[in-house]
Amino acid sequence: MIEILEEISEGCCFLNSKMEMEFINKAGEALLEKPKEEVLYKCQWDVLPKYKETIVYEKYTKAFQEQSPQYFEVVTEYTKKHLEIRVFPNKYGLFLIFNDITEKKEEEKRQKYYDQLKIIAEMAAGVAHEVRNPMTTIKGFLQLMLKDNDLTKYKDIMNLMVDEVNRVNDIITNFLDLAKETPNKLNDCNLNQIITTLYPLLETRANNEGKFIYLELGQIPNLFVDKNEMRQLLLNLINNSFDAMEKGKSVYITTVDETEHVVLSIRDEGAGIPPEIIDKVSVPFVTSKSTGTGLGLPICFSIAKRNNANISYTSSSKGTTFHIRFMKK
């Protein structure tokens, strides 16, 4: 029996009536929050005291006292993993079966976000046509008025109005991008080539602002992605990095070939994402920029999902790094 338990993929262990761990299999050891030697044959509440006031203590106690199986999910107190735990009692103690469902929970969180984003975007797409028609009419009349010599003194005001109409149209276009579920056209592309093509444009902005941009491109395989969307993703993220930095600071663009992924990283030396919005950067209209719309990063997250990739990021007062992980073909 022990040999069978040792080889199963789920973690399992046995706690005696004193809540001392008498057995744990290999899969379970990988999920332990302390070395095996520190927890075996010791009361779990002594070696893992943070659990005494949690659902873990409550469910274990209930299972043993009432001799009734328990099932629950918990975020571990020490390693912050999501675990699914099943508790099977008998008169000698508790047999536990547990799984790490951290990735599953992260995927559910991502899917919930994209579902919410889709609803917002579809609502915007539904009214885009009705909004764009009158805006196009307004813009047309403004452009005609700009040609009228009698209205020359209002030229600056009318140019500003045309710019604002264009800005509204850009916001609508961005919302339509959020609503898309699939890329326009998938191609066999190499990220390094796309980055290299964009580099002169990015370098020009860097030079004009007294900033720097460096490429650290590794040997990577081709990906099956939408080339135009990759350009948009790169421009959005890199321009955000430039916006966040002072003169003399640098942006680093890196590509790496990992076992299952091609990883694109964009690191800057800016002030970092403000703490109050760091967990909301993928939400539309959340921005720290006084003139921003807060749609650039949500579009990047949407583009990544459509192109079989995911985005993670870290940020501090020394800068921000975005990692985009693309599944290989």
C-alpha atoms as a PDB file:
ATOM      1  CA  MET A   1       0.000   0.000   0.000  1.00  0.00           C
ATOM      2  CA  ILE A   2       2.818   2.436   0.943  1.00  0.00           C
ATOM      3  CA  GLU A   3       4.518   1.774  -2.406  1.00  0.00           C
ATOM      4  CA  ILE A   4       1.322   2.697  -4.264  1.00  0.00           C
ATOM      5  CA  LEU A   5       0.854   5.922  -2.291  1.00  0.00           C
ATOM      6  CA  GLU A   6       4.467   6.908  -2.933  1.00  0.00           C
ATOM      7  CA  GLU A   7       3.953   6.842  -6.685  1.00  0.00           C
ATOM      8  CA  ILE A   8       0.630   8.647  -7.082  1.00  0.00           C
ATOM      9  CA  SER A   9       0.721  12.202  -8.429  1.00  0.00           C
ATOM     10  CA  GLU A  10      -1.452  13.669  -5.671  1.00  0.00           C
ATOM     11  CA  GLY A  11       0.046  14.619  -2.356  1.00  0.00           C
ATOM     12  CA  CYS A  12      -1.101  12.508   0.552  1.00  0.00           C
ATOM     13  CA  CYS A  13      -0.205  12.053   4.215  1.00  0.00           C
ATOM     14  CA  PHE A  14      -1.523  10.562   7.441  1.00  0.00           C
ATOM     15  CA  LEU A  15      -1.956  12.454  10.709  1.00  0.00           C
ATOM     16  CA  ASN A  16      -2.542  10.459  13.876  1.00  0.00           C
ATOM     17  CA  SER A  17      -5.042  11.423  16.591  1.00  0.00           C
ATOM     18  CA  LYS A  18      -2.488  13.854  18.049  1.00  0.00           C
ATOM     19  CA  MET A  19      -2.207  15.550  14.651  1.00  0.00           C
ATOM     20  CA  GLU A  20       1.333  14.240  14.229  1.00  0.00           C
ATOM     21  CA  MET A  21       2.366  13.427  10.676  1.00  0.00           C
ATOM     22  CA  GLU A  22       3.335   9.756  10.440  1.00  0.00           C
ATOM     23  CA  PHE A  23       3.570   9.485   6.654  1.00  0.00           C
ATOM     24  CA  ILE A  24       3.821  11.705   3.581  1.00  0.00           C
ATOM     25  CA  ASN A  25       4.443  10.642  -0.036  1.00  0.00           C
ATOM     26  CA  LYS A  26       6.864  12.155  -2.574  1.00  0.00           C
ATOM     27  CA  ALA A  27       4.255  14.425  -4.164  1.00  0.00           C
ATOM     28  CA  GLY A  28       3.257  15.672  -0.733  1.00  0.00           C
ATOM     29  CA  GLU A  29       6.847  16.434   0.234  1.00  0.00           C
ATOM     30  CA  ALA A  30       7.096  18.793  -2.737  1.00  0.00           C
ATOM     31  CA  LEU A  31       4.242  20.840  -1.240  1.00  0.00           C
ATOM     32  CA  LEU A  32       5.538  20.891   2.335  1.00  0.00           C
ATOM     33  CA  GLU A  33       6.145  24.343   3.728  1.00  0.00           C
ATOM     34  CA  LYS A  34       8.975  23.118   5.940  1.00  0.00           C
ATOM     35  CA  PRO A  35      11.614  20.365   5.579  1.00  0.00           C
ATOM     36  CA  LYS A  36      10.131  16.902   6.095  1.00  0.00           C
ATOM     37  CA  GLU A  37      12.341  16.314   9.138  1.00  0.00           C
ATOM     38  CA  GLU A  38      10.767  19.288  10.926  1.00  0.00           C
ATOM     39  CA  VAL A  39       7.184  18.083  10.599  1.00  0.00           C
ATOM     40  CA  LEU A  40       7.304  14.293  10.921  1.00  0.00           C
ATOM     41  CA  TYR A  41       6.100  12.898  14.275  1.00  0.00           C
ATOM     42  CA  LYS A  42       5.352  16.391  15.572  1.00  0.00           C
ATOM     43  CA  CYS A  43       1.999  18.067  16.168  1.00  0.00           C
ATOM     44  CA  GLN A  44       1.174  20.102  13.091  1.00  0.00           C
ATOM     45  CA  TRP A  45      -0.138  23.020  15.153  1.00  0.00           C
ATOM     46  CA  ASP A  46       3.259  23.278  16.876  1.00  0.00           C
ATOM     47  CA  VAL A  47       5.410  23.256  13.741  1.00  0.00           C
ATOM     48  CA  LEU A  48       2.898  25.202  11.613  1.00  0.00           C
ATOM     49  CA  PRO A  49       1.317  27.534  14.207  1.00  0.00           C
ATOM     50  CA  LYS A  50      -0.165  29.952  11.661  1.00  0.00           C
ATOM     51  CA  TYR A  51      -2.818  27.357  10.858  1.00  0.00           C
ATOM     52  CA  LYS A  52      -4.362  27.225  14.360  1.00  0.00           C
ATOM     53  CA  GLU A  53      -6.772  30.058  13.593  1.00  0.00           C
ATOM     54  CA  THR A  54      -7.644  29.022  10.032  1.00  0.00           C
ATOM     55  CA  ILE A  55     -10.084  26.835   8.140  1.00  0.00           C
ATOM     56  CA  VAL A  56      -7.439  24.083   8.142  1.00  0.00           C
ATOM     57  CA  TYR A  57      -7.642  23.685  11.930  1.00  0.00           C
ATOM     58  CA  GLU A  58     -11.424  23.942  11.814  1.00  0.00           C
ATOM     59  CA  LYS A  59     -11.853  21.289   9.101  1.00  0.00           C
ATOM     60  CA  TYR A  60      -9.310  18.836  10.557  1.00  0.00           C
ATOM     61  CA  THR A  61     -10.908  19.092  13.995  1.00  0.00           C
ATOM     62  CA  LYS A  62     -14.413  18.676  12.604  1.00  0.00           C
ATOM     63  CA  ALA A  63     -13.397  15.696  10.472  1.00  0.00           C
ATOM     64  CA  PHE A  64     -11.850  13.841  13.414  1.00  0.00           C
ATOM     65  CA  GLN A  65     -14.465  14.709  16.030  1.00  0.00           C
ATOM     66  CA  GLU A  66     -17.472  14.003  13.808  1.00  0.00           C
ATOM     67  CA  GLN A  67     -15.766  11.287  11.733  1.00  0.00           C
ATOM     68  CA  SER A  68     -17.043  12.979   8.583  1.00  0.00           C
ATOM     69  CA  PRO A  69     -14.980  13.610   5.384  1.00  0.00           C
ATOM     70  CA  GLN A  70     -14.207  17.243   4.614  1.00  0.00           C
ATOM     71  CA  TYR A  71     -13.334  19.002   1.381  1.00  0.00           C
ATOM     72  CA  PHE A  72     -12.027  22.566   1.105  1.00  0.00           C
ATOM     73  CA  GLU A  73      -9.604  24.905  -0.633  1.00  0.00           C
ATOM     74  CA  VAL A  74      -7.046  27.074   1.106  1.00  0.00           C
ATOM     75  CA  VAL A  75      -4.190  29.470   0.397  1.00  0.00           C
ATOM     76  CA  THR A  76      -1.205  28.190   2.345  1.00  0.00           C
ATOM     77  CA  GLU A  77       0.065  30.489   5.082  1.00  0.00           C
ATOM     78  CA  TYR A  78       3.759  30.119   4.344  1.00  0.00           C
ATOM     79  CA  THR A  79       4.196  29.574   0.577  1.00  0.00           C
ATOM     80  CA  LYS A  80       0.897  31.172  -0.532  1.00  0.00           C
ATOM     81  CA  LYS A  81      -0.022  28.260  -2.798  1.00  0.00           C
ATOM     82  CA  HIS A  82      -3.635  27.340  -3.510  1.00  0.00           C
ATOM     83  CA  LEU A  83      -4.347  23.826  -2.254  1.00  0.00           C
ATOM     84  CA  GLU A  84      -7.360  21.594  -2.682  1.00  0.00           C
ATOM     85  CA  ILE A  85      -7.578  19.335   0.403  1.00  0.00           C
ATOM     86  CA  ARG A  86      -9.706  16.251   1.011  1.00  0.00           C
ATOM     87  CA  VAL A  87      -9.812  14.866   4.552  1.00  0.00           C
ATOM     88  CA  PHE A  88     -10.815  11.249   5.296  1.00  0.00           C
ATOM     89  CA  PRO A  89     -11.054  10.422   9.028  1.00  0.00           C
ATOM     90  CA  ASN A  90     -10.958   7.184  10.962  1.00  0.00           C
ATOM     91  CA  LYS A  91     -10.552   6.426  14.657  1.00  0.00           C
ATOM     92  CA  TYR A  92      -6.751   6.527  14.324  1.00  0.00           C
ATOM     93  CA  GLY A  93      -6.440   9.929  12.680  1.00  0.00           C
ATOM     94  CA  LEU A  94      -6.797  11.684   9.315  1.00  0.00           C
ATOM     95  CA  PHE A  95      -5.786  10.653   5.808  1.00  0.00           C
ATOM     96  CA  LEU A  96      -5.241  13.737   3.629  1.00  0.00           C
ATOM     97  CA  ILE A  97      -5.152  14.045  -0.148  1.00  0.00           C
ATOM     98  CA  PHE A  98      -4.102  17.429  -1.496  1.00  0.00           C
ATOM     99  CA  ASN A  99      -3.334  19.059  -4.834  1.00  0.00           C
ATOM    100  CA  ASP A 100      -1.621  22.287  -5.828  1.00  0.00           C
ATOM    101  CA  ILE A 101      -4.299  24.206  -7.790  1.00  0.00           C
ATOM    102  CA  THR A 102      -2.413  27.518  -7.917  1.00  0.00           C
ATOM    103  CA  GLU A 103      -2.172  27.525 -11.716  1.00  0.00           C
ATOM    104  CA  LYS A 104      -5.825  26.535 -12.027  1.00  0.00           C
ATOM    105  CA  LYS A 105      -6.835  29.450  -9.790  1.00  0.00           C
ATOM    106  CA  GLU A 106      -4.657  31.857 -11.738  1.00  0.00           C
ATOM    107  CA  GLU A 107      -6.243  30.678 -14.977  1.00  0.00           C
ATOM    108  CA  GLU A 108      -9.723  31.103 -13.496  1.00  0.00           C
ATOM    109  CA  LYS A 109      -8.765  34.620 -12.405  1.00  0.00           C
ATOM    110  CA  ARG A 110      -7.432  35.435 -15.884  1.00  0.00           C
ATOM    111  CA  GLN A 111     -10.539  34.003 -17.538  1.00  0.00           C
ATOM    112  CA  LYS A 112     -12.826  35.976 -15.245  1.00  0.00           C
ATOM    113  CA  TYR A 113     -10.925  39.127 -16.162  1.00  0.00           C
ATOM    114  CA  TYR A 114     -11.180  38.432 -19.891  1.00  0.00           C
ATOM    115  CA  ASP A 115     -14.884  37.632 -19.567  1.00  0.00           C
ATOM    116  CA  GLN A 116     -15.464  40.972 -17.843  1.00  0.00           C
ATOM    117  CA  LEU A 117     -13.319  42.746 -20.410  1.00  0.00           C
ATOM    118  CA  LYS A 118     -15.255  41.109 -23.220  1.00  0.00           C
ATOM    119  CA  ILE A 119     -18.580  42.365 -21.830  1.00  0.00           C
ATOM    120  CA  ILE A 120     -17.264  45.938 -21.587  1.00  0.00           C
ATOM    121  CA  ALA A 121     -15.726  45.772 -25.045  1.00  0.00           C
ATOM    122  CA  GLU A 122     -18.815  44.277 -26.668  1.00  0.00           C
ATOM    123  CA  MET A 123     -20.968  47.027 -25.171  1.00  0.00           C
ATOM    124  CA  ALA A 124     -18.596  49.629 -26.581  1.00  0.00           C
ATOM    125  CA  ALA A 125     -18.495  47.888 -29.957  1.00  0.00           C
ATOM    126  CA  GLY A 126     -22.282  47.880 -30.037  1.00  0.00           C
ATOM    127  CA  VAL A 127     -22.480  51.672 -29.873  1.00  0.00           C
ATOM    128  CA  ALA A 128     -19.294  52.439 -31.834  1.00  0.00           C
ATOM    129  CA  HIS A 129     -21.089  52.812 -35.152  1.00  0.00           C
ATOM    130  CA  GLU A 130     -23.722  55.183 -33.728  1.00  0.00           C
ATOM    131  CA  VAL A 131     -21.034  57.297 -32.049  1.00  0.00           C
ATOM    132  CA  ARG A 132     -18.673  57.392 -35.008  1.00  0.00           C
ATOM    133  CA  ASN A 133     -21.250  58.607 -37.517  1.00  0.00           C
ATOM    134  CA  PRO A 134     -22.038  61.925 -35.792  1.00  0.00           C
ATOM    135  CA  MET A 135     -18.369  62.353 -34.863  1.00  0.00           C
ATOM    136  CA  THR A 136     -17.404  62.005 -38.519  1.00  0.00           C
ATOM    137  CA  THR A 137     -19.996  64.644 -39.437  1.00  0.00           C
ATOM    138  CA  ILE A 138     -18.692  67.033 -36.773  1.00  0.00           C
ATOM    139  CA  LYS A 139     -15.105  66.527 -37.922  1.00  0.00           C
ATOM    140  CA  GLY A 140     -16.092  67.151 -41.561  1.00  0.00           C
ATOM    141  CA  PHE A 141     -17.799  70.464 -40.771  1.00  0.00           C
ATOM    142  CA  LEU A 142     -14.869  71.556 -38.601  1.00  0.00           C
ATOM    143  CA  GLN A 143     -12.468  70.877 -41.458  1.00  0.00           C
ATOM    144  CA  LEU A 144     -14.663  72.942 -43.798  1.00  0.00           C
ATOM    145  CA  MET A 145     -14.757  75.792 -41.283  1.00  0.00           C
ATOM    146  CA  LEU A 146     -10.961  75.723 -41.060  1.00  0.00           C
ATOM    147  CA  LYS A 147     -10.866  76.710 -44.746  1.00  0.00           C
ATOM    148  CA  ASP A 148     -13.111  79.734 -44.182  1.00  0.00           C
ATOM    149  CA  ASN A 149     -10.959  82.879 -44.011  1.00  0.00           C
ATOM    150  CA  ASP A 150     -13.645  84.668 -41.969  1.00  0.00           C
ATOM    151  CA  LEU A 151     -13.099  82.142 -39.166  1.00  0.00           C
ATOM    152  CA  THR A 152      -9.311  82.391 -39.019  1.00  0.00           C
ATOM    153  CA  LYS A 153      -9.340  83.714 -35.449  1.00  0.00           C
ATOM    154  CA  TYR A 154     -11.028  80.472 -34.349  1.00  0.00           C
ATOM    155  CA  LYS A 155      -8.455  78.251 -36.092  1.00  0.00           C
ATOM    156  CA  ASP A 156      -6.686  77.136 -32.904  1.00  0.00           C
ATOM    157  CA  ILE A 157      -9.967  76.248 -31.231  1.00  0.00           C
ATOM    158  CA  MET A 158     -11.195  74.281 -34.248  1.00  0.00           C
ATOM    159  CA  ASN A 159      -7.897  72.405 -34.557  1.00  0.00           C
ATOM    160  CA  LEU A 160      -8.228  71.458 -30.895  1.00  0.00           C
ATOM    161  CA  MET A 161     -11.773  70.236 -31.545  1.00  0.00           C
ATOM    162  CA  VAL A 162     -10.578  68.117 -34.494  1.00  0.00           C
ATOM    163  CA  ASP A 163      -7.858  66.635 -32.278  1.00  0.00           C
ATOM    164  CA  GLU A 164     -10.445  65.759 -29.632  1.00  0.00           C
ATOM    165  CA  VAL A 165     -12.707  64.116 -32.231  1.00  0.00           C
ATOM    166  CA  ASN A 166      -9.703  62.059 -33.388  1.00  0.00           C
ATOM    167  CA  ARG A 167      -9.018  61.129 -29.771  1.00  0.00           C
ATOM    168  CA  VAL A 168     -12.579  59.863 -29.337  1.00  0.00           C
ATOM    169  CA  ASN A 169     -12.207  57.803 -32.510  1.00  0.00           C
ATOM    170  CA  ASP A 170      -8.942  56.346 -31.179  1.00  0.00           C
ATOM    171  CA  ILE A 171     -10.656  55.329 -27.943  1.00  0.00           C
ATOM    172  CA  ILE A 172     -13.435  53.624 -29.908  1.00  0.00           C
ATOM    173  CA  THR A 173     -10.837  51.801 -32.032  1.00  0.00           C
ATOM    174  CA  ASN A 174      -9.082  50.650 -28.852  1.00  0.00           C
ATOM    175  CA  PHE A 175     -12.338  49.318 -27.461  1.00  0.00           C
ATOM    176  CA  LEU A 176     -12.931  47.400 -30.664  1.00  0.00           C
ATOM    177  CA  ASP A 177      -9.459  45.887 -30.231  1.00  0.00           C
ATOM    178  CA  LEU A 178     -10.455  44.768 -26.734  1.00  0.00           C
ATOM    179  CA  ALA A 179     -13.563  43.070 -28.099  1.00  0.00           C
ATOM    180  CA  LYS A 180     -11.673  40.948 -30.613  1.00  0.00           C
ATOM    181  CA  GLU A 181     -11.385  37.268 -29.756  1.00  0.00           C
ATOM    182  CA  THR A 182      -9.006  36.143 -32.507  1.00  0.00           C
ATOM    183  CA  PRO A 183      -6.070  37.792 -34.310  1.00  0.00           C
ATOM    184  CA  ASN A 184      -6.650  39.210 -37.788  1.00  0.00           C
ATOM    185  CA  LYS A 185      -3.960  37.179 -39.504  1.00  0.00           C
ATOM    186  CA  LEU A 186      -1.594  34.592 -38.029  1.00  0.00           C
ATOM    187  CA  ASN A 187       1.853  34.300 -39.579  1.00  0.00           C
ATOM    188  CA  ASP A 188       5.062  32.429 -38.971  1.00  0.00           C
ATOM    189  CA  CYS A 189       7.016  35.291 -37.355  1.00  0.00           C
ATOM    190  CA  ASN A 190      10.200  35.857 -35.425  1.00  0.00           C
ATOM    191  CA  LEU A 191       9.924  38.319 -32.531  1.00  0.00           C
ATOM    192  CA  ASN A 192      13.539  39.378 -32.941  1.00  0.00           C
ATOM    193  CA  GLN A 193      12.879  40.491 -36.509  1.00  0.00           C
ATOM    194  CA  ILE A 194       9.810  42.510 -35.462  1.00  0.00           C
ATOM    195  CA  ILE A 195      11.793  44.159 -32.659  1.00  0.00           C
ATOM    196  CA  THR A 196      14.723  44.924 -34.962  1.00  0.00           C
ATOM    197  CA  THR A 197      12.365  46.528 -37.491  1.00  0.00           C
ATOM    198  CA  LEU A 198      10.860  48.773 -34.818  1.00  0.00           C
ATOM    199  CA  TYR A 199      14.211  49.647 -33.235  1.00  0.00           C
ATOM    200  CA  PRO A 200      15.049  52.740 -35.405  1.00  0.00           C
ATOM    201  CA  LEU A 201      11.689  54.308 -34.509  1.00  0.00           C
ATOM    202  CA  LEU A 202      12.164  53.584 -30.811  1.00  0.00           C
ATOM    203  CA  GLU A 203      15.779  54.743 -30.843  1.00  0.00           C
ATOM    204  CA  THR A 204      14.723  58.046 -32.400  1.00  0.00           C
ATOM    205  CA  ARG A 205      12.315  58.722 -29.548  1.00  0.00           C
ATOM    206  CA  ALA A 206      14.975  57.710 -27.010  1.00  0.00           C
ATOM    207  CA  ASN A 207      17.536  60.077 -28.551  1.00  0.00           C
ATOM    208  CA  ASN A 208      15.056  62.959 -28.682  1.00  0.00           C
ATOM    209  CA  GLU A 209      14.296  62.540 -24.976  1.00  0.00           C
ATOM    210  CA  GLY A 210      17.846  61.839 -23.781  1.00  0.00           C
ATOM    211  CA  LYS A 211      17.016  58.237 -22.894  1.00  0.00           C
ATOM    212  CA  PHE A 212      18.461  54.906 -23.996  1.00  0.00           C
ATOM    213  CA  ILE A 213      17.156  51.628 -25.383  1.00  0.00           C
ATOM    214  CA  TYR A 214      19.103  48.372 -25.498  1.00  0.00           C
ATOM    215  CA  LEU A 215      18.360  45.071 -27.240  1.00  0.00           C
ATOM    216  CA  GLU A 216      19.395  41.761 -25.664  1.00  0.00           C
ATOM    217  CA  LEU A 217      17.960  39.297 -28.177  1.00  0.00           C
ATOM    218  CA  GLY A 218      18.626  35.597 -27.778  1.00  0.00           C
ATOM    219  CA  GLN A 219      18.264  32.788 -30.298  1.00  0.00           C
ATOM    220  CA  ILE A 220      14.526  32.059 -30.401  1.00  0.00           C
ATOM    221  CA  PRO A 221      12.277  29.952 -32.652  1.00  0.00           C
ATOM    222  CA  ASN A 222       9.529  31.434 -34.812  1.00  0.00           C
ATOM    223  CA  LEU A 223       6.029  31.872 -33.409  1.00  0.00           C
ATOM    224  CA  PHE A 224       2.616  31.646 -35.048  1.00  0.00           C
ATOM    225  CA  VAL A 225       1.258  35.106 -34.192  1.00  0.00           C
ATOM    226  CA  ASP A 226      -0.326  38.213 -35.668  1.00  0.00           C
ATOM    227  CA  LYS A 227       2.613  40.379 -36.741  1.00  0.00           C
ATOM    228  CA  ASN A 228       0.696  43.658 -36.588  1.00  0.00           C
ATOM    229  CA  GLU A 229      -0.586  42.905 -33.108  1.00  0.00           C
ATOM    230  CA  MET A 230       2.958  42.120 -31.973  1.00  0.00           C
ATOM    231  CA  ARG A 231       4.037  45.548 -33.216  1.00  0.00           C
ATOM    232  CA  GLN A 232       1.162  47.161 -31.313  1.00  0.00           C
ATOM    233  CA  LEU A 233       1.977  45.250 -28.127  1.00  0.00           C
ATOM    234  CA  LEU A 234       5.658  46.220 -28.332  1.00  0.00           C
ATOM    235  CA  LEU A 235       4.943  49.877 -29.053  1.00  0.00           C
ATOM    236  CA  ASN A 236       2.396  50.135 -26.226  1.00  0.00           C
ATOM    237  CA  LEU A 237       4.698  48.581 -23.621  1.00  0.00           C
ATOM    238  CA  ILE A 238       7.905  50.313 -24.720  1.00  0.00           C
ATOM    239  CA  ASN A 239       6.270  53.725 -25.023  1.00  0.00           C
ATOM    240  CA  ASN A 240       4.840  53.233 -21.536  1.00  0.00           C
ATOM    241  CA  SER A 241       8.391  52.544 -20.346  1.00  0.00           C
ATOM    242  CA  PHE A 242       9.679  55.732 -21.953  1.00  0.00           C
ATOM    243  CA  ASP A 243       6.806  57.704 -20.414  1.00  0.00           C
ATOM    244  CA  ALA A 244       7.704  56.380 -16.948  1.00  0.00           C
ATOM    245  CA  MET A 245      11.386  57.355 -17.124  1.00  0.00           C
ATOM    246  CA  GLU A 246      13.400  60.486 -16.626  1.00  0.00           C
ATOM    247  CA  LYS A 247      16.216  61.669 -18.884  1.00  0.00           C
ATOM    248  CA  GLY A 248      19.292  59.440 -18.761  1.00  0.00           C
ATOM    249  CA  LYS A 249      17.378  56.232 -17.936  1.00  0.00           C
ATOM    250  CA  SER A 250      17.220  53.073 -20.073  1.00  0.00           C
ATOM    251  CA  VAL A 251      14.808  50.484 -21.460  1.00  0.00           C
ATOM    252  CA  TYR A 252      16.004  46.912 -22.021  1.00  0.00           C
ATOM    253  CA  ILE A 253      14.256  44.542 -24.461  1.00  0.00           C
ATOM    254  CA  THR A 254      15.149  40.890 -24.009  1.00  0.00           C
ATOM    255  CA  THR A 255      14.097  37.659 -25.722  1.00  0.00           C
ATOM    256  CA  VAL A 256      14.833  34.212 -24.291  1.00  0.00           C
ATOM    257  CA  ASP A 257      14.087  30.677 -25.459  1.00  0.00           C
ATOM    258  CA  GLU A 258      12.739  28.595 -22.568  1.00  0.00           C
ATOM    259  CA  THR A 259      11.616  24.965 -22.540  1.00  0.00           C
ATOM    260  CA  GLU A 260       7.952  25.591 -23.373  1.00  0.00           C
ATOM    261  CA  HIS A 261       7.905  29.314 -24.030  1.00  0.00           C
ATOM    262  CA  VAL A 262       9.527  32.168 -25.856  1.00  0.00           C
ATOM    263  CA  VAL A 263       9.800  34.997 -23.337  1.00  0.00           C
ATOM    264  CA  LEU A 264       9.815  38.666 -24.301  1.00  0.00           C
ATOM    265  CA  SER A 265      10.820  40.982 -21.438  1.00  0.00           C
ATOM    266  CA  ILE A 266      10.641  44.770 -21.369  1.00  0.00           C
ATOM    267  CA  ARG A 267      12.427  46.361 -18.410  1.00  0.00           C
ATOM    268  CA  ASP A 268      12.646  50.059 -17.621  1.00  0.00           C
ATOM    269  CA  GLU A 269      14.336  52.221 -14.996  1.00  0.00           C
ATOM    270  CA  GLY A 270      11.291  54.321 -14.242  1.00  0.00           C
ATOM    271  CA  ALA A 271       9.655  55.142 -10.917  1.00  0.00           C
ATOM    272  CA  GLY A 272       7.515  52.011 -10.963  1.00  0.00           C
ATOM    273  CA  ILE A 273       3.768  51.486 -11.029  1.00  0.00           C
ATOM    274  CA  PRO A 274       1.981  53.345  -8.186  1.00  0.00           C
ATOM    275  CA  PRO A 275       0.979  50.891  -5.414  1.00  0.00           C
ATOM    276  CA  GLU A 276      -2.679  51.923  -5.587  1.00  0.00           C
ATOM    277  CA  ILE A 277      -3.033  50.687  -9.185  1.00  0.00           C
ATOM    278  CA  ILE A 278      -0.403  47.929  -9.435  1.00  0.00           C
ATOM    279  CA  ASP A 279      -3.046  45.188  -9.286  1.00  0.00           C
ATOM    280  CA  LYS A 280      -5.369  47.023 -11.704  1.00  0.00           C
ATOM    281  CA  VAL A 281      -3.143  47.830 -14.690  1.00  0.00           C
ATOM    282  CA  SER A 282      -5.097  45.456 -16.923  1.00  0.00           C
ATOM    283  CA  VAL A 283      -8.408  47.171 -16.096  1.00  0.00           C
ATOM    284  CA  PRO A 284      -9.661  49.708 -18.682  1.00  0.00           C
ATOM    285  CA  PHE A 285      -9.347  53.407 -17.758  1.00  0.00           C
ATOM    286  CA  VAL A 286      -6.971  52.777 -14.836  1.00  0.00           C
ATOM    287  CA  THR A 287      -3.900  54.940 -15.405  1.00  0.00           C
ATOM    288  CA  SER A 288      -1.377  57.098 -13.578  1.00  0.00           C
ATOM    289  CA  LYS A 289      -0.912  59.383 -16.596  1.00  0.00           C
ATOM    290  CA  SER A 290      -2.670  62.728 -16.560  1.00  0.00           C
ATOM    291  CA  THR A 291      -3.343  62.504 -20.319  1.00  0.00           C
ATOM    292  CA  GLY A 292      -3.679  58.720 -20.691  1.00  0.00           C
ATOM    293  CA  THR A 293      -6.850  56.788 -21.467  1.00  0.00           C
ATOM    294  CA  GLY A 294      -5.896  53.695 -19.483  1.00  0.00           C
ATOM    295  CA  LEU A 295      -6.511  51.425 -22.480  1.00  0.00           C
ATOM    296  CA  GLY A 296      -2.940  50.675 -23.602  1.00  0.00           C
ATOM    297  CA  LEU A 297      -2.159  47.912 -21.108  1.00  0.00           C
ATOM    298  CA  PRO A 298      -5.611  46.253 -21.257  1.00  0.00           C
ATOM    299  CA  ILE A 299      -5.133  46.039 -25.035  1.00  0.00           C
ATOM    300  CA  CYS A 300      -1.724  44.400 -24.480  1.00  0.00           C
ATOM    301  CA  PHE A 301      -3.301  41.783 -22.194  1.00  0.00           C
ATOM    302  CA  SER A 302      -6.016  41.162 -24.789  1.00  0.00           C
ATOM    303  CA  ILE A 303      -3.449  40.856 -27.605  1.00  0.00           C
ATOM    304  CA  ALA A 304      -1.400  38.405 -25.536  1.00  0.00           C
ATOM    305  CA  LYS A 305      -4.404  36.173 -24.898  1.00  0.00           C
ATOM    306  CA  ARG A 306      -5.370  36.152 -28.594  1.00  0.00           C
ATOM    307  CA  ASN A 307      -1.827  35.145 -29.519  1.00  0.00           C
ATOM    308  CA  ASN A 308      -1.489  32.279 -27.033  1.00  0.00           C
ATOM    309  CA  ALA A 309       0.594  34.207 -24.512  1.00  0.00           C
ATOM    310  CA  ASN A 310       0.272  35.575 -20.994  1.00  0.00           C
ATOM    311  CA  ILE A 311       1.690  38.660 -19.307  1.00  0.00           C
ATOM    312  CA  SER A 312       3.201  38.976 -15.848  1.00  0.00           C
ATOM    313  CA  TYR A 313       4.991  41.928 -14.317  1.00  0.00           C
ATOM    314  CA  THR A 314       7.015  43.148 -11.367  1.00  0.00           C
ATOM    315  CA  SER A 315       7.479  46.738 -10.265  1.00  0.00           C
ATOM    316  CA  SER A 316       9.360  48.758  -7.676  1.00  0.00           C
ATOM    317  CA  SER A 317      10.753  52.255  -7.252  1.00  0.00           C
ATOM    318  CA  LYS A 318      13.704  51.147  -9.405  1.00  0.00           C
ATOM    319  CA  GLY A 319      11.613  50.235 -12.432  1.00  0.00           C
ATOM    320  CA  THR A 320       9.099  47.867 -13.985  1.00  0.00           C
ATOM    321  CA  THR A 321       9.526  44.651 -15.962  1.00  0.00           C
ATOM    322  CA  PHE A 322       6.865  43.045 -18.138  1.00  0.00           C
ATOM    323  CA  HIS A 323       7.299  39.392 -19.164  1.00  0.00           C
ATOM    324  CA  ILE A 324       5.254  38.105 -22.111  1.00  0.00           C
ATOM    325  CA  ARG A 325       5.420  34.308 -22.381  1.00  0.00           C
ATOM    326  CA  PHE A 326       4.419  32.853 -25.745  1.00  0.00           C
ATOM    327  CA  MET A 327       3.640  29.154 -26.081  1.00  0.00           C
ATOM    328  CA  LYS A 328       5.863  27.564 -28.703  1.00  0.00           C
ATOM    329  CA  LYS A 329       4.326  26.149 -31.879  1.00  0.00           C
END
